[in-house]
Amino acid sequence: MRLTIVAALAAVLSLLGCDALERRHAMKALPSTLQAEAIEFGRNEVFGFGPGGNETGFYVIRLGAEGVDLAARGGVAWLNAQTGGRLDPDWFVTPVPRDDYWMGRADSALGAFPDPTVTAILDRYGFGFDLPPEHQSALDSALNSPGSYYAFGRGGLVAVVVPAAGRAYVFYAG
């Protein structure tokens, strides 16, 4: 009986520890100068392990006022000069281009790519998940409007900084 309780408690604590580690991992994707303060929403799903396994994650991160101000005033030049985090040093301005990274194949009837969406990235390998509508629409709007910045990292990692909202979105599929 005592062993069962100890085993159950250990399992719960390890799950909580994994969740905390995943959240910290998402916040550490950003340069520290953006002052990631808290995760407002986060979800991570693992589909299989080892070769052929897939992991999909999505996090909404509240940024500190000073980090937001610096990003808004400095733009891409300031972001490209920041060190730390797990992103490539090349940041880009939104709206993002309508290309195959964001959308897969062009619409065969129109020969054009539709507007980029977060769903296109999360569902890239067929292992996406539904997002709360408020987060999906806010990020899709940021991707397709001027005023935000995005960068890529290894393993399908994408970060979008939205100074007007004081948030960053970190998501991945791979």
Foldseek 3Di string as FASTA:
>chain_A
DVVVVVVVVVVVVVVVVVVVVVQVLQVQQAFCLQAFDDWPDKDKDWADDDPPIKIKMKTKTFTDPRSLVCCQVVPQVSQLPGDGHQFDSGKDWDLDDQDCVQANAADPVVRGGDQGFPCSFQCVPPRHDDDPVVVRVVVSVRNHDTQKMKTGGPQAWIKIGHSVVNIIMIIGMD
